[in-house]
Amino acid sequence: MTVDVKGEQVRIGSKVRVLSVHLKDLDCLPDEEVSRINSIVGQVLSVYDISSKYVSVKKVWEDGGVLSEGLSMNLLSNQIELVEF
């Protein structure tokens, strides 16, 4: 069972608020990409995959109705807060 920062159960389809992202391993990325990753902090995203250690969330940026760019991240329990089960 995967839980959020408060110990609430999270499942596929749950809405979670991203509390933080860890960027220590992203030093090799361009500043623009790091900025885009940081921009999901505070946003509410849907969980699309789950494991015993993390949840996977996805953010899609659209440009004029056309898929522009997407980001998928695996987040640990201390990085998310359940908004809607």
N, C-alpha and C. Protein backbone atom coordinates (compact mmCIF):
# COMPACT_ATOMS: atom_id res chain seq x y z
N MET A 1 0.84 -1.18 0.00
CA MET A 1 0.00 0.00 0.00
C MET A 1 0.89 1.25 0.00
N THR A 2 0.62 2.15 -0.90
CA THR A 2 1.36 3.40 -0.98
C THR A 2 0.55 4.50 -0.31
N VAL A 3 1.24 5.33 0.47
CA VAL A 3 0.56 6.39 1.21
C VAL A 3 1.22 7.74 0.91
N ASP A 4 0.50 8.80 1.28
CA ASP A 4 1.04 10.15 1.12
C ASP A 4 1.79 10.57 2.38
N VAL A 5 2.17 11.83 2.43
CA VAL A 5 2.95 12.37 3.53
C VAL A 5 2.23 12.25 4.87
N LYS A 6 0.90 12.19 4.86
CA LYS A 6 0.10 12.09 6.09
C LYS A 6 -0.32 10.65 6.40
N GLY A 7 0.12 9.70 5.58
CA GLY A 7 -0.23 8.31 5.80
C GLY A 7 -1.55 7.89 5.16
N GLU A 8 -2.13 8.76 4.35
CA GLU A 8 -3.38 8.44 3.65
C GLU A 8 -3.08 7.56 2.44
N GLN A 9 -3.91 6.54 2.22
CA GLN A 9 -3.71 5.62 1.11
C GLN A 9 -3.91 6.34 -0.23
N VAL A 10 -3.03 6.04 -1.17
CA VAL A 10 -3.10 6.59 -2.52
C VAL A 10 -3.26 5.43 -3.48
N ARG A 11 -4.08 5.60 -4.51
CA ARG A 11 -4.28 4.55 -5.51
C ARG A 11 -4.25 5.17 -6.91
N ILE A 12 -4.24 4.32 -7.92
CA ILE A 12 -4.30 4.81 -9.30
C ILE A 12 -5.58 5.61 -9.48
N GLY A 13 -5.45 6.78 -10.05
CA GLY A 13 -6.59 7.67 -10.24
C GLY A 13 -6.72 8.74 -9.17
N SER A 14 -6.03 8.55 -8.04
CA SER A 14 -6.06 9.57 -6.98
C SER A 14 -5.46 10.87 -7.49
N LYS A 15 -5.94 11.97 -6.93
CA LYS A 15 -5.36 13.29 -7.21
C LYS A 15 -4.44 13.62 -6.05
N VAL A 16 -3.19 13.97 -6.36
CA VAL A 16 -2.22 14.31 -5.32
C VAL A 16 -1.59 15.67 -5.62
N ARG A 17 -1.29 16.39 -4.54
CA ARG A 17 -0.55 17.65 -4.68
C ARG A 17 0.93 17.32 -4.57
N VAL A 18 1.72 17.82 -5.49
CA VAL A 18 3.16 17.61 -5.46
C VAL A 18 3.76 18.60 -4.46
N LEU A 19 4.39 18.07 -3.41
CA LEU A 19 4.97 18.91 -2.37
C LEU A 19 6.41 19.28 -2.65
N SER A 20 7.13 18.40 -3.32
CA SER A 20 8.53 18.67 -3.62
C SER A 20 9.01 17.72 -4.71
N VAL A 21 10.10 18.10 -5.33
CA VAL A 21 10.82 17.21 -6.25
C VAL A 21 12.28 17.27 -5.86
N HIS A 22 12.97 16.18 -6.03
CA HIS A 22 14.39 16.13 -5.69
C HIS A 22 15.20 16.25 -6.97
N LEU A 23 16.00 17.29 -7.03
CA LEU A 23 16.72 17.59 -8.27
C LEU A 23 18.20 17.27 -8.19
N LYS A 24 18.66 16.62 -7.14
CA LYS A 24 20.09 16.37 -6.98
C LYS A 24 20.68 15.56 -8.13
N ASP A 25 19.88 14.73 -8.75
CA ASP A 25 20.38 13.89 -9.84
C ASP A 25 20.15 14.52 -11.21
N LEU A 26 19.68 15.75 -11.25
CA LEU A 26 19.32 16.38 -12.51
C LEU A 26 20.29 17.47 -12.94
N ASP A 27 21.47 17.49 -12.35
CA ASP A 27 22.45 18.53 -12.68
C ASP A 27 22.82 18.54 -14.16
N CYS A 28 22.68 17.41 -14.82
CA CYS A 28 23.07 17.31 -16.23
C CYS A 28 22.01 17.89 -17.17
N LEU A 29 20.83 18.22 -16.64
CA LEU A 29 19.75 18.73 -17.49
C LEU A 29 19.89 20.23 -17.73
N PRO A 30 19.39 20.70 -18.86
CA PRO A 30 19.38 22.14 -19.13
C PRO A 30 18.49 22.87 -18.12
N ASP A 31 18.81 24.14 -17.85
CA ASP A 31 18.05 24.94 -16.89
C ASP A 31 16.57 24.97 -17.22
N GLU A 32 16.21 25.02 -18.50
CA GLU A 32 14.81 25.07 -18.90
C GLU A 32 14.06 23.81 -18.45
N GLU A 33 14.70 22.67 -18.57
CA GLU A 33 14.08 21.41 -18.16
C GLU A 33 13.93 21.34 -16.64
N VAL A 34 14.95 21.78 -15.92
CA VAL A 34 14.88 21.81 -14.46
C VAL A 34 13.76 22.74 -14.01
N SER A 35 13.62 23.88 -14.67
CA SER A 35 12.55 24.82 -14.37
C SER A 35 11.18 24.19 -14.60
N ARG A 36 11.04 23.47 -15.68
CA ARG A 36 9.78 22.80 -16.00
C ARG A 36 9.45 21.74 -14.94
N ILE A 37 10.44 21.00 -14.53
CA ILE A 37 10.24 19.99 -13.48
C ILE A 37 9.81 20.67 -12.18
N ASN A 38 10.49 21.74 -11.81
CA ASN A 38 10.14 22.47 -10.59
C ASN A 38 8.74 23.06 -10.64
N SER A 39 8.24 23.33 -11.83
CA SER A 39 6.93 23.98 -11.97
C SER A 39 5.78 23.09 -11.52
N ILE A 40 6.00 21.79 -11.36
CA ILE A 40 4.90 20.92 -10.91
C ILE A 40 4.70 20.96 -9.40
N VAL A 41 5.65 21.54 -8.67
CA VAL A 41 5.49 21.65 -7.22
C VAL A 41 4.28 22.52 -6.93
N GLY A 42 3.38 22.01 -6.11
CA GLY A 42 2.15 22.72 -5.76
C GLY A 42 0.97 22.35 -6.64
N GLN A 43 1.23 21.70 -7.76
CA GLN A 43 0.15 21.33 -8.67
C GLN A 43 -0.50 20.02 -8.22
N VAL A 44 -1.77 19.87 -8.59
CA VAL A 44 -2.52 18.64 -8.32
C VAL A 44 -2.53 17.82 -9.60
N LEU A 45 -2.01 16.60 -9.51
CA LEU A 45 -1.89 15.72 -10.66
C LEU A 45 -2.50 14.35 -10.34
N SER A 46 -2.89 13.63 -11.37
CA SER A 46 -3.46 12.29 -11.21
C SER A 46 -2.36 11.24 -11.16
N VAL A 47 -2.56 10.25 -10.31
CA VAL A 47 -1.65 9.11 -10.21
C VAL A 47 -2.03 8.12 -11.31
N TYR A 48 -1.05 7.75 -12.15
CA TYR A 48 -1.35 6.79 -13.22
C TYR A 48 -0.67 5.44 -13.02
N ASP A 49 0.26 5.36 -12.07
CA ASP A 49 0.91 4.08 -11.76
C ASP A 49 1.35 4.15 -10.31
N ILE A 50 1.54 2.98 -9.73
CA ILE A 50 1.84 2.93 -8.30
C ILE A 50 2.70 1.72 -8.00
N SER A 51 3.57 1.85 -7.02
CA SER A 51 4.36 0.71 -6.53
C SER A 51 4.39 0.80 -5.01
N SER A 52 5.10 -0.09 -4.38
CA SER A 52 5.17 -0.06 -2.92
C SER A 52 5.99 1.13 -2.41
N LYS A 53 6.78 1.75 -3.28
CA LYS A 53 7.65 2.85 -2.85
C LYS A 53 7.27 4.21 -3.42
N TYR A 54 6.62 4.25 -4.55
CA TYR A 54 6.37 5.54 -5.19
C TYR A 54 5.07 5.52 -5.98
N VAL A 55 4.65 6.74 -6.37
CA VAL A 55 3.54 6.90 -7.31
C VAL A 55 4.09 7.60 -8.54
N SER A 56 3.48 7.35 -9.67
CA SER A 56 3.86 8.01 -10.92
C SER A 56 2.78 9.00 -11.30
N VAL A 57 3.20 10.23 -11.60
CA VAL A 57 2.28 11.27 -12.05
C VAL A 57 2.77 11.81 -13.38
N LYS A 58 1.86 12.43 -14.11
CA LYS A 58 2.20 12.95 -15.43
C LYS A 58 1.64 14.36 -15.56
N LYS A 59 2.43 15.24 -16.16
CA LYS A 59 2.00 16.60 -16.48
C LYS A 59 2.18 16.79 -17.98
N VAL A 60 1.15 17.34 -18.63
CA VAL A 60 1.22 17.61 -20.07
C VAL A 60 0.99 19.09 -20.29
N TRP A 61 1.87 19.71 -21.03
CA TRP A 61 1.72 21.10 -21.44
C TRP A 61 1.26 21.12 -22.88
N GLU A 62 0.18 21.85 -23.15
CA GLU A 62 -0.36 21.93 -24.51
C GLU A 62 -0.12 23.32 -25.07
N ASP A 63 0.06 23.36 -26.37
CA ASP A 63 0.27 24.63 -27.07
C ASP A 63 -0.77 24.73 -28.17
N GLY A 64 -1.80 25.51 -27.93
CA GLY A 64 -2.85 25.66 -28.93
C GLY A 64 -3.64 24.40 -29.18
N GLY A 65 -3.81 23.57 -28.15
CA GLY A 65 -4.58 22.35 -28.30
C GLY A 65 -3.78 21.18 -28.84
N VAL A 66 -2.53 21.40 -29.16
CA VAL A 66 -1.66 20.35 -29.66
C VAL A 66 -0.68 19.97 -28.55
N LEU A 67 -0.50 18.68 -28.34
CA LEU A 67 0.44 18.23 -27.32
C LEU A 67 1.79 18.86 -27.56
N SER A 68 2.29 19.57 -26.57
CA SER A 68 3.56 20.26 -26.70
C SER A 68 4.68 19.49 -26.02
N GLU A 69 4.44 19.17 -24.76
CA GLU A 69 5.48 18.50 -24.00
C GLU A 69 4.87 17.79 -22.82
N GLY A 70 5.47 16.70 -22.40
CA GLY A 70 4.97 15.96 -21.26
C GLY A 70 6.09 15.61 -20.30
N LEU A 71 5.72 15.38 -19.06
CA LEU A 71 6.69 15.04 -18.02
C LEU A 71 6.06 13.97 -17.14
N SER A 72 6.79 12.91 -16.90
CA SER A 72 6.34 11.85 -16.01
C SER A 72 7.37 11.73 -14.89
N MET A 73 6.88 11.65 -13.66
CA MET A 73 7.80 11.56 -12.52
C MET A 73 7.32 10.52 -11.53
N ASN A 74 8.27 9.84 -10.91
CA ASN A 74 8.00 8.94 -9.80
C ASN A 74 8.27 9.72 -8.52
N LEU A 75 7.29 9.77 -7.62
CA LEU A 75 7.41 10.54 -6.39
C LEU A 75 7.21 9.65 -5.18
N LEU A 76 7.98 9.93 -4.13
CA LEU A 76 7.88 9.18 -2.88
C LEU A 76 6.77 9.74 -2.01
N SER A 77 6.42 9.01 -0.97
CA SER A 77 5.32 9.39 -0.07
C SER A 77 5.49 10.79 0.52
N ASN A 78 6.73 11.16 0.87
CA ASN A 78 6.95 12.47 1.49
C ASN A 78 6.91 13.61 0.47
N GLN A 79 6.71 13.30 -0.79
CA GLN A 79 6.65 14.32 -1.84
C GLN A 79 5.23 14.61 -2.31
N ILE A 80 4.25 13.89 -1.76
CA ILE A 80 2.86 14.06 -2.23
C ILE A 80 1.89 14.17 -1.07
N GLU A 81 0.77 14.84 -1.35
CA GLU A 81 -0.33 14.93 -0.39
C GLU A 81 -1.62 14.59 -1.13
N LEU A 82 -2.38 13.65 -0.59
CA LEU A 82 -3.64 13.24 -1.20
C LEU A 82 -4.63 14.40 -1.18
N VAL A 83 -5.24 14.67 -2.35
CA VAL A 83 -6.26 15.69 -2.47
C VAL A 83 -7.62 15.04 -2.65
N GLU A 84 -7.67 14.00 -3.49
CA GLU A 84 -8.92 13.30 -3.79
C GLU A 84 -8.62 11.83 -4.02
N PHE A 85 -9.29 10.96 -3.27
CA PHE A 85 -9.08 9.52 -3.38
C PHE A 85 -9.84 9.03 -4.57
